[in-house]
Amino acid sequence: MASDVNEISINYEEEGVLLVKELDREILSKGAWTTILFRYQNWNKTKGEYNKEMFTIRRYQKVKGEYMPKSKFNISSAEQAKKIVSALQGWIED
């Protein structure tokens, strides 16, 4: 696990293959509880290529100097992400 928020990654490799490829991240909050929005792709073994981009929001808690994953919400498509953004913008603007 990571001891610094900037070291947290969702890259995941097995047998030399990067199965989850982190493309970008946005740190939404820092501290004892940290929230990070990631943009990523999963490796499709059948096709031999990465699937479409997806997004995930992950929460980490710092315990004994190390960030531990506590919860996550996966946004499965750009369309779903747009709906979330639209809803949030509507609420914030009211």
PDB file of N, CA and C in Angstrom:
ATOM      1  N   MET A   1       0.829  -1.188   0.000  1.00  0.00           N
ATOM      2  CA  MET A   1       0.000   0.000   0.000  1.00  0.00           C
ATOM      3  C   MET A   1       0.872   1.250   0.000  1.00  0.00           C
ATOM      4  N   ALA A   2       0.242   2.360  -0.292  1.00  0.00           N
ATOM      5  CA  ALA A   2       0.946   3.631  -0.422  1.00  0.00           C
ATOM      6  C   ALA A   2       0.920   4.409   0.897  1.00  0.00           C
ATOM      7  N   SER A   3       1.998   5.123   1.145  1.00  0.00           N
ATOM      8  CA  SER A   3       2.052   5.977   2.328  1.00  0.00           C
ATOM      9  C   SER A   3       1.825   7.444   1.953  1.00  0.00           C
ATOM     10  N   ASP A   4       1.871   7.749   0.664  1.00  0.00           N
ATOM     11  CA  ASP A   4       1.633   9.098   0.155  1.00  0.00           C
ATOM     12  C   ASP A   4       0.486   9.032  -0.850  1.00  0.00           C
ATOM     13  N   VAL A   5      -0.410  10.003  -0.807  1.00  0.00           N
ATOM     14  CA  VAL A   5      -1.584   9.994  -1.680  1.00  0.00           C
ATOM     15  C   VAL A   5      -1.188   9.943  -3.157  1.00  0.00           C
ATOM     16  N   ASN A   6      -0.066  10.531  -3.513  1.00  0.00           N
ATOM     17  CA  ASN A   6       0.380  10.550  -4.909  1.00  0.00           C
ATOM     18  C   ASN A   6       0.891   9.195  -5.391  1.00  0.00           C
ATOM     19  N   GLU A   7       1.112   8.264  -4.478  1.00  0.00           N
ATOM     20  CA  GLU A   7       1.572   6.919  -4.832  1.00  0.00           C
ATOM     21  C   GLU A   7       0.420   5.956  -5.100  1.00  0.00           C
ATOM     22  N   ILE A   8      -0.801   6.354  -4.751  1.00  0.00           N
ATOM     23  CA  ILE A   8      -1.955   5.476  -4.931  1.00  0.00           C
ATOM     24  C   ILE A   8      -2.241   5.307  -6.422  1.00  0.00           C
ATOM     25  N   SER A   9      -2.406   4.058  -6.831  1.00  0.00           N
ATOM     26  CA  SER A   9      -2.680   3.754  -8.237  1.00  0.00           C
ATOM     27  C   SER A   9      -3.627   2.566  -8.313  1.00  0.00           C
ATOM     28  N   ILE A  10      -4.388   2.501  -9.395  1.00  0.00           N
ATOM     29  CA  ILE A  10      -5.236   1.327  -9.609  1.00  0.00           C
ATOM     30  C   ILE A  10      -4.656   0.416 -10.688  1.00  0.00           C
ATOM     31  N   ASN A  11      -3.451   0.726 -11.176  1.00  0.00           N
ATOM     32  CA  ASN A  11      -2.801  -0.195 -12.113  1.00  0.00           C
ATOM     33  C   ASN A  11      -2.737  -1.573 -11.470  1.00  0.00           C
ATOM     34  N   TYR A  12      -3.058  -2.596 -12.255  1.00  0.00           N
ATOM     35  CA  TYR A  12      -3.033  -3.962 -11.735  1.00  0.00           C
ATOM     36  C   TYR A  12      -2.450  -4.876 -12.797  1.00  0.00           C
ATOM     37  N   GLU A  13      -1.406  -5.602 -12.417  1.00  0.00           N
ATOM     38  CA  GLU A  13      -0.687  -6.460 -13.354  1.00  0.00           C
ATOM     39  C   GLU A  13      -0.679  -7.900 -12.853  1.00  0.00           C
ATOM     40  N   GLU A  14      -0.839  -8.826 -13.789  1.00  0.00           N
ATOM     41  CA  GLU A  14      -0.725 -10.258 -13.505  1.00  0.00           C
ATOM     42  C   GLU A  14       0.081 -10.895 -14.621  1.00  0.00           C
ATOM     43  N   GLU A  15       1.056 -11.677 -14.246  1.00  0.00           N
ATOM     44  CA  GLU A  15       1.879 -12.417 -15.207  1.00  0.00           C
ATOM     45  C   GLU A  15       2.405 -11.514 -16.321  1.00  0.00           C
ATOM     46  N   GLY A  16       2.833 -10.312 -15.941  1.00  0.00           N
ATOM     47  CA  GLY A  16       3.430  -9.390 -16.899  1.00  0.00           C
ATOM     48  C   GLY A  16       2.440  -8.649 -17.782  1.00  0.00           C
ATOM     49  N   VAL A  17       1.132  -8.834 -17.553  1.00  0.00           N
ATOM     50  CA  VAL A  17       0.109  -8.150 -18.350  1.00  0.00           C
ATOM     51  C   VAL A  17      -0.602  -7.128 -17.461  1.00  0.00           C
ATOM     52  N   LEU A  18      -0.645  -5.888 -17.937  1.00  0.00           N
ATOM     53  CA  LEU A  18      -1.322  -4.833 -17.202  1.00  0.00           C
ATOM     54  C   LEU A  18      -2.827  -4.977 -17.446  1.00  0.00           C
ATOM     55  N   LEU A  19      -3.539  -5.568 -16.478  1.00  0.00           N
ATOM     56  CA  LEU A  19      -4.964  -5.860 -16.627  1.00  0.00           C
ATOM     57  C   LEU A  19      -5.842  -4.635 -16.390  1.00  0.00           C
ATOM     58  N   VAL A  20      -5.419  -3.763 -15.487  1.00  0.00           N
ATOM     59  CA  VAL A  20      -6.107  -2.490 -15.255  1.00  0.00           C
ATOM     60  C   VAL A  20      -5.074  -1.395 -15.491  1.00  0.00           C
ATOM     61  N   LYS A  21      -5.346  -0.559 -16.490  1.00  0.00           N
ATOM     62  CA  LYS A  21      -4.406   0.502 -16.857  1.00  0.00           C
ATOM     63  C   LYS A  21      -4.994   1.849 -16.469  1.00  0.00           C
ATOM     64  N   GLU A  22      -4.369   2.491 -15.501  1.00  0.00           N
ATOM     65  CA  GLU A  22      -4.785   3.820 -15.071  1.00  0.00           C
ATOM     66  C   GLU A  22      -4.365   4.830 -16.138  1.00  0.00           C
ATOM     67  N   LEU A  23      -5.318   5.634 -16.603  1.00  0.00           N
ATOM     68  CA  LEU A  23      -5.041   6.633 -17.628  1.00  0.00           C
ATOM     69  C   LEU A  23      -4.862   8.026 -17.040  1.00  0.00           C
ATOM     70  N   ASP A  24      -5.606   8.305 -15.990  1.00  0.00           N
ATOM     71  CA  ASP A  24      -5.549   9.630 -15.373  1.00  0.00           C
ATOM     72  C   ASP A  24      -6.186   9.547 -13.994  1.00  0.00           C
ATOM     73  N   ARG A  25      -6.008  10.578 -13.215  1.00  0.00           N
ATOM     74  CA  ARG A  25      -6.594  10.638 -11.875  1.00  0.00           C
ATOM     75  C   ARG A  25      -6.800  12.081 -11.480  1.00  0.00           C
ATOM     76  N   GLU A  26      -7.752  12.275 -10.588  1.00  0.00           N
ATOM     77  CA  GLU A  26      -8.010  13.583  -9.997  1.00  0.00           C
ATOM     78  C   GLU A  26      -8.219  13.346  -8.506  1.00  0.00           C
ATOM     79  N   ILE A  27      -7.351  13.931  -7.705  1.00  0.00           N
ATOM     80  CA  ILE A  27      -7.479  13.800  -6.258  1.00  0.00           C
ATOM     81  C   ILE A  27      -8.555  14.787  -5.811  1.00  0.00           C
ATOM     82  N   LEU A  28      -9.663  14.266  -5.295  1.00  0.00           N
ATOM     83  CA  LEU A  28     -10.802  15.098  -4.903  1.00  0.00           C
ATOM     84  C   LEU A  28     -10.676  15.603  -3.475  1.00  0.00           C
ATOM     85  N   SER A  29     -10.047  14.822  -2.602  1.00  0.00           N
ATOM     86  CA  SER A  29      -9.804  15.259  -1.229  1.00  0.00           C
ATOM     87  C   SER A  29      -8.603  14.502  -0.682  1.00  0.00           C
ATOM     88  N   LYS A  30      -7.883  15.185   0.216  1.00  0.00           N
ATOM     89  CA  LYS A  30      -6.708  14.593   0.861  1.00  0.00           C
ATOM     90  C   LYS A  30      -6.908  14.615   2.361  1.00  0.00           C
ATOM     91  N   GLY A  31      -6.158  13.775   3.040  1.00  0.00           N
ATOM     92  CA  GLY A  31      -6.209  13.750   4.496  1.00  0.00           C
ATOM     93  C   GLY A  31      -6.299  12.319   4.987  1.00  0.00           C
ATOM     94  N   ALA A  32      -6.825  12.156   6.193  1.00  0.00           N
ATOM     95  CA  ALA A  32      -6.977  10.817   6.758  1.00  0.00           C
ATOM     96  C   ALA A  32      -7.903   9.982   5.886  1.00  0.00           C
ATOM     97  N   TRP A  33      -8.886  10.642   5.281  1.00  0.00           N
ATOM     98  CA  TRP A  33      -9.756  10.020   4.281  1.00  0.00           C
ATOM     99  C   TRP A  33      -9.497  10.732   2.963  1.00  0.00           C
ATOM    100  N   THR A  34      -9.115   9.977   1.948  1.00  0.00           N
ATOM    101  CA  THR A  34      -8.783  10.521   0.643  1.00  0.00           C
ATOM    102  C   THR A  34      -9.735   9.961  -0.403  1.00  0.00           C
ATOM    103  N   THR A  35     -10.161  10.826  -1.313  1.00  0.00           N
ATOM    104  CA  THR A  35     -11.053  10.418  -2.398  1.00  0.00           C
ATOM    105  C   THR A  35     -10.373  10.739  -3.719  1.00  0.00           C
ATOM    106  N   ILE A  36     -10.326   9.738  -4.617  1.00  0.00           N
ATOM    107  CA  ILE A  36      -9.669   9.914  -5.911  1.00  0.00           C
ATOM    108  C   ILE A  36     -10.589   9.424  -7.021  1.00  0.00           C
ATOM    109  N   LEU A  37     -10.698  10.213  -8.083  1.00  0.00           N
ATOM    110  CA  LEU A  37     -11.423   9.838  -9.285  1.00  0.00           C
ATOM    111  C   LEU A  37     -10.390   9.354 -10.294  1.00  0.00           C
ATOM    112  N   PHE A  38     -10.556   8.114 -10.784  1.00  0.00           N
ATOM    113  CA  PHE A  38      -9.626   7.533 -11.752  1.00  0.00           C
ATOM    114  C   PHE A  38     -10.314   7.329 -13.098  1.00  0.00           C
ATOM    115  N   ARG A  39      -9.556   7.508 -14.167  1.00  0.00           N
ATOM    116  CA  ARG A  39      -9.961   7.110 -15.521  1.00  0.00           C
ATOM    117  C   ARG A  39      -9.073   5.927 -15.874  1.00  0.00           C
ATOM    118  N   TYR A  40      -9.669   4.828 -16.362  1.00  0.00           N
ATOM    119  CA  TYR A  40      -8.888   3.613 -16.588  1.00  0.00           C
ATOM    120  C   TYR A  40      -9.484   2.760 -17.700  1.00  0.00           C
ATOM    121  N   GLN A  41      -8.741   1.720 -18.070  1.00  0.00           N
ATOM    122  CA  GLN A  41      -9.202   0.722 -19.028  1.00  0.00           C
ATOM    123  C   GLN A  41      -8.844  -0.665 -18.509  1.00  0.00           C
ATOM    124  N   ASN A  42      -9.706  -1.635 -18.804  1.00  0.00           N
ATOM    125  CA  ASN A  42      -9.443  -3.037 -18.482  1.00  0.00           C
ATOM    126  C   ASN A  42      -8.936  -3.753 -19.726  1.00  0.00           C
ATOM    127  N   TRP A  43      -8.025  -4.692 -19.528  1.00  0.00           N
ATOM    128  CA  TRP A  43      -7.492  -5.507 -20.609  1.00  0.00           C
ATOM    129  C   TRP A  43      -8.505  -6.588 -20.983  1.00  0.00           C
ATOM    130  N   ASN A  44      -8.800  -6.691 -22.268  1.00  0.00           N
ATOM    131  CA  ASN A  44      -9.703  -7.720 -22.777  1.00  0.00           C
ATOM    132  C   ASN A  44      -8.831  -8.850 -23.315  1.00  0.00           C
ATOM    133  N   LYS A  45      -8.746  -9.952 -22.578  1.00  0.00           N
ATOM    134  CA  LYS A  45      -7.872 -11.072 -22.967  1.00  0.00           C
ATOM    135  C   LYS A  45      -8.292 -11.673 -24.296  1.00  0.00           C
ATOM    136  N   THR A  46      -9.596 -11.747 -24.534  1.00  0.00           N
ATOM    137  CA  THR A  46     -10.102 -12.354 -25.768  1.00  0.00           C
ATOM    138  C   THR A  46      -9.699 -11.555 -26.999  1.00  0.00           C
ATOM    139  N   LYS A  47      -9.875 -10.241 -26.933  1.00  0.00           N
ATOM    140  CA  LYS A  47      -9.564  -9.376 -28.079  1.00  0.00           C
ATOM    141  C   LYS A  47      -8.093  -8.985 -28.142  1.00  0.00           C
ATOM    142  N   GLY A  48      -7.392  -9.116 -27.024  1.00  0.00           N
ATOM    143  CA  GLY A  48      -5.990  -8.708 -26.988  1.00  0.00           C
ATOM    144  C   GLY A  48      -5.808  -7.205 -27.053  1.00  0.00           C
ATOM    145  N   GLU A  49      -6.782  -6.488 -26.469  1.00  0.00           N
ATOM    146  CA  GLU A  49      -6.712  -5.020 -26.458  1.00  0.00           C
ATOM    147  C   GLU A  49      -7.477  -4.500 -25.249  1.00  0.00           C
ATOM    148  N   TYR A  50      -7.305  -3.207 -24.995  1.00  0.00           N
ATOM    149  CA  TYR A  50      -8.013  -2.605 -23.869  1.00  0.00           C
ATOM    150  C   TYR A  50      -9.436  -2.246 -24.265  1.00  0.00           C
ATOM    151  N   ASN A  51     -10.351  -2.400 -23.313  1.00  0.00           N
ATOM    152  CA  ASN A  51     -11.746  -2.018 -23.507  1.00  0.00           C
ATOM    153  C   ASN A  51     -11.870  -0.500 -23.456  1.00  0.00           C
ATOM    154  N   LYS A  52     -13.095  -0.023 -23.633  1.00  0.00           N
ATOM    155  CA  LYS A  52     -13.374   1.413 -23.575  1.00  0.00           C
ATOM    156  C   LYS A  52     -12.997   1.984 -22.211  1.00  0.00           C
ATOM    157  N   GLU A  53     -12.832   3.282 -22.169  1.00  0.00           N
ATOM    158  CA  GLU A  53     -12.494   3.957 -20.927  1.00  0.00           C
ATOM    159  C   GLU A  53     -13.640   3.849 -19.932  1.00  0.00           C
ATOM    160  N   MET A  54     -13.262   3.699 -18.671  1.00  0.00           N
ATOM    161  CA  MET A  54     -14.233   3.682 -17.586  1.00  0.00           C
ATOM    162  C   MET A  54     -13.690   4.586 -16.484  1.00  0.00           C
ATOM    163  N   PHE A  55     -14.502   4.776 -15.460  1.00  0.00           N
ATOM    164  CA  PHE A  55     -14.152   5.693 -14.382  1.00  0.00           C
ATOM    165  C   PHE A  55     -14.517   5.047 -13.052  1.00  0.00           C
ATOM    166  N   THR A  56     -13.775   5.403 -12.025  1.00  0.00           N
ATOM    167  CA  THR A  56     -14.075   4.899 -10.688  1.00  0.00           C
ATOM    168  C   THR A  56     -13.720   5.961  -9.663  1.00  0.00           C
ATOM    169  N   ILE A  57     -14.544   6.047  -8.637  1.00  0.00           N
ATOM    170  CA  ILE A  57     -14.269   6.923  -7.500  1.00  0.00           C
ATOM    171  C   ILE A  57     -13.912   6.004  -6.342  1.00  0.00           C
ATOM    172  N   ARG A  58     -12.751   6.238  -5.756  1.00  0.00           N
ATOM    173  CA  ARG A  58     -12.285   5.371  -4.670  1.00  0.00           C
ATOM    174  C   ARG A  58     -11.966   6.190  -3.430  1.00  0.00           C
ATOM    175  N   ARG A  59     -12.299   5.599  -2.278  1.00  0.00           N
ATOM    176  CA  ARG A  59     -12.020   6.214  -0.978  1.00  0.00           C
ATOM    177  C   ARG A  59     -10.979   5.381  -0.263  1.00  0.00           C
ATOM    178  N   TYR A  60     -10.034   6.071   0.342  1.00  0.00           N
ATOM    179  CA  TYR A  60      -8.949   5.428   1.084  1.00  0.00           C
ATOM    180  C   TYR A  60      -8.872   6.051   2.463  1.00  0.00           C
ATOM    181  N   GLN A  61      -8.540   5.229   3.448  1.00  0.00           N
ATOM    182  CA  GLN A  61      -8.331   5.706   4.813  1.00  0.00           C
ATOM    183  C   GLN A  61      -6.878   5.456   5.178  1.00  0.00           C
ATOM    184  N   LYS A  62      -6.249   6.458   5.760  1.00  0.00           N
ATOM    185  CA  LYS A  62      -4.857   6.303   6.188  1.00  0.00           C
ATOM    186  C   LYS A  62      -4.846   5.664   7.568  1.00  0.00           C
ATOM    187  N   VAL A  63      -4.287   4.461   7.627  1.00  0.00           N
ATOM    188  CA  VAL A  63      -4.201   3.700   8.874  1.00  0.00           C
ATOM    189  C   VAL A  63      -2.740   3.329   9.097  1.00  0.00           C
ATOM    190  N   LYS A  64      -2.206   3.729  10.242  1.00  0.00           N
ATOM    191  CA  LYS A  64      -0.798   3.438  10.587  1.00  0.00           C
ATOM    192  C   LYS A  64       0.142   3.847   9.455  1.00  0.00           C
ATOM    193  N   GLY A  65      -0.122   5.024   8.857  1.00  0.00           N
ATOM    194  CA  GLY A  65       0.761   5.580   7.842  1.00  0.00           C
ATOM    195  C   GLY A  65       0.569   5.044   6.433  1.00  0.00           C
ATOM    196  N   GLU A  66      -0.383   4.151   6.228  1.00  0.00           N
ATOM    197  CA  GLU A  66      -0.621   3.557   4.909  1.00  0.00           C
ATOM    198  C   GLU A  66      -2.070   3.780   4.486  1.00  0.00           C
ATOM    199  N   TYR A  67      -2.281   4.116   3.213  1.00  0.00           N
ATOM    200  CA  TYR A  67      -3.635   4.282   2.688  1.00  0.00           C
ATOM    201  C   TYR A  67      -4.236   2.923   2.363  1.00  0.00           C
ATOM    202  N   MET A  68      -5.383   2.655   2.951  1.00  0.00           N
ATOM    203  CA  MET A  68      -6.085   1.390   2.747  1.00  0.00           C
ATOM    204  C   MET A  68      -7.388   1.662   1.985  1.00  0.00           C
ATOM    205  N   PRO A  69      -7.673   0.857   0.945  1.00  0.00           N
ATOM    206  CA  PRO A  69      -8.941   1.062   0.221  1.00  0.00           C
ATOM    207  C   PRO A  69     -10.125   0.730   1.119  1.00  0.00           C
ATOM    208  N   LYS A  70     -11.148   1.588   1.060  1.00  0.00           N
ATOM    209  CA  LYS A  70     -12.324   1.394   1.906  1.00  0.00           C
ATOM    210  C   LYS A  70     -13.603   1.250   1.094  1.00  0.00           C
ATOM    211  N   SER A  71     -13.730   1.971  -0.013  1.00  0.00           N
ATOM    212  CA  SER A  71     -14.936   1.850  -0.827  1.00  0.00           C
ATOM    213  C   SER A  71     -14.645   2.320  -2.240  1.00  0.00           C
ATOM    214  N   LYS A  72     -15.530   1.899  -3.169  1.00  0.00           N
ATOM    215  CA  LYS A  72     -15.372   2.334  -4.550  1.00  0.00           C
ATOM    216  C   LYS A  72     -16.729   2.352  -5.236  1.00  0.00           C
ATOM    217  N   PHE A  73     -16.813   3.198  -6.245  1.00  0.00           N
ATOM    218  CA  PHE A  73     -17.985   3.265  -7.101  1.00  0.00           C
ATOM    219  C   PHE A  73     -17.483   3.310  -8.529  1.00  0.00           C
ATOM    220  N   ASN A  74     -17.872   2.324  -9.340  1.00  0.00           N
ATOM    221  CA  ASN A  74     -17.445   2.268 -10.723  1.00  0.00           C
ATOM    222  C   ASN A  74     -18.485   2.913 -11.624  1.00  0.00           C
ATOM    223  N   ILE A  75     -18.025   3.802 -12.482  1.00  0.00           N
ATOM    224  CA  ILE A  75     -18.859   4.444 -13.495  1.00  0.00           C
ATOM    225  C   ILE A  75     -18.547   3.709 -14.783  1.00  0.00           C
ATOM    226  N   SER A  76     -19.523   2.987 -15.303  1.00  0.00           N
ATOM    227  CA  SER A  76     -19.262   2.001 -16.351  1.00  0.00           C
ATOM    228  C   SER A  76     -19.174   2.549 -17.762  1.00  0.00           C
ATOM    229  N   SER A  77     -19.552   3.806 -17.973  1.00  0.00           N
ATOM    230  CA  SER A  77     -19.511   4.327 -19.342  1.00  0.00           C
ATOM    231  C   SER A  77     -19.429   5.846 -19.321  1.00  0.00           C
ATOM    232  N   ALA A  78     -19.038   6.404 -20.457  1.00  0.00           N
ATOM    233  CA  ALA A  78     -19.006   7.857 -20.597  1.00  0.00           C
ATOM    234  C   ALA A  78     -20.418   8.416 -20.471  1.00  0.00           C
ATOM    235  N   GLU A  79     -21.409   7.692 -20.975  1.00  0.00           N
ATOM    236  CA  GLU A  79     -22.795   8.129 -20.890  1.00  0.00           C
ATOM    237  C   GLU A  79     -23.242   8.260 -19.430  1.00  0.00           C
ATOM    238  N   GLN A  80     -22.923   7.273 -18.614  1.00  0.00           N
ATOM    239  CA  GLN A  80     -23.269   7.344 -17.197  1.00  0.00           C
ATOM    240  C   GLN A  80     -22.536   8.503 -16.530  1.00  0.00           C
ATOM    241  N   ALA A  81     -21.271   8.726 -16.887  1.00  0.00           N
ATOM    242  CA  ALA A  81     -20.487   9.833 -16.327  1.00  0.00           C
ATOM    243  C   ALA A  81     -21.136  11.173 -16.673  1.00  0.00           C
ATOM    244  N   LYS A  82     -21.604  11.318 -17.910  1.00  0.00           N
ATOM    245  CA  LYS A  82     -22.261  12.558 -18.329  1.00  0.00           C
ATOM    246  C   LYS A  82     -23.536  12.804 -17.522  1.00  0.00           C
ATOM    247  N   LYS A  83     -24.283  11.749 -17.238  1.00  0.00           N
ATOM    248  CA  LYS A  83     -25.509  11.895 -16.439  1.00  0.00           C
ATOM    249  C   LYS A  83     -25.184  12.332 -15.010  1.00  0.00           C
ATOM    250  N   ILE A  84     -24.125  11.787 -14.445  1.00  0.00           N
ATOM    251  CA  ILE A  84     -23.701  12.172 -13.100  1.00  0.00           C
ATOM    252  C   ILE A  84     -23.289  13.638 -13.082  1.00  0.00           C
ATOM    253  N   VAL A  85     -22.495  14.046 -14.069  1.00  0.00           N
ATOM    254  CA  VAL A  85     -22.043  15.439 -14.165  1.00  0.00           C
ATOM    255  C   VAL A  85     -23.241  16.367 -14.312  1.00  0.00           C
ATOM    256  N   SER A  86     -24.176  16.011 -15.169  1.00  0.00           N
ATOM    257  CA  SER A  86     -25.363  16.820 -15.399  1.00  0.00           C
ATOM    258  C   SER A  86     -26.180  16.987 -14.113  1.00  0.00           C
ATOM    259  N   ALA A  87     -26.394  15.892 -13.399  1.00  0.00           N
ATOM    260  CA  ALA A  87     -27.149  15.946 -12.156  1.00  0.00           C
ATOM    261  C   ALA A  87     -26.440  16.846 -11.138  1.00  0.00           C
ATOM    262  N   LEU A  88     -25.137  16.683 -10.990  1.00  0.00           N
ATOM    263  CA  LEU A  88     -24.387  17.492 -10.027  1.00  0.00           C
ATOM    264  C   LEU A  88     -24.428  18.966 -10.395  1.00  0.00           C
ATOM    265  N   GLN A  89     -24.274  19.265 -11.689  1.00  0.00           N
ATOM    266  CA  GLN A  89     -24.326  20.667 -12.116  1.00  0.00           C
ATOM    267  C   GLN A  89     -25.685  21.283 -11.810  1.00  0.00           C
ATOM    268  N   GLY A  90     -26.748  20.514 -12.041  1.00  0.00           N
ATOM    269  CA  GLY A  90     -28.085  20.994 -11.735  1.00  0.00           C
ATOM    270  C   GLY A  90     -28.262  21.287 -10.264  1.00  0.00           C
ATOM    271  N   TRP A  91     -27.767  20.418  -9.423  1.00  0.00           N
ATOM    272  CA  TRP A  91     -27.897  20.621  -7.979  1.00  0.00           C
ATOM    273  C   TRP A  91     -27.077  21.803  -7.485  1.00  0.00           C
ATOM    274  N   ILE A  92     -25.879  21.930  -8.016  1.00  0.00           N
ATOM    275  CA  ILE A  92     -24.986  23.005  -7.566  1.00  0.00           C
ATOM    276  C   ILE A  92     -25.489  24.364  -8.001  1.00  0.00           C
ATOM    277  N   GLU A  93     -26.056  24.442  -9.202  1.00  0.00           N
ATOM    278  CA  GLU A  93     -26.523  25.717  -9.743  1.00  0.00           C
ATOM    279  C   GLU A  93     -27.811  26.192  -9.097  1.00  0.00           C
ATOM    280  N   ASP A  94     -28.544  25.305  -8.455  1.00  0.00           N
ATOM    281  CA  ASP A  94     -29.821  25.702  -7.817  1.00  0.00           C
ATOM    282  C   ASP A  94     -29.596  26.487  -6.555  1.00  0.00           C
TER     283      ASP A  94
END
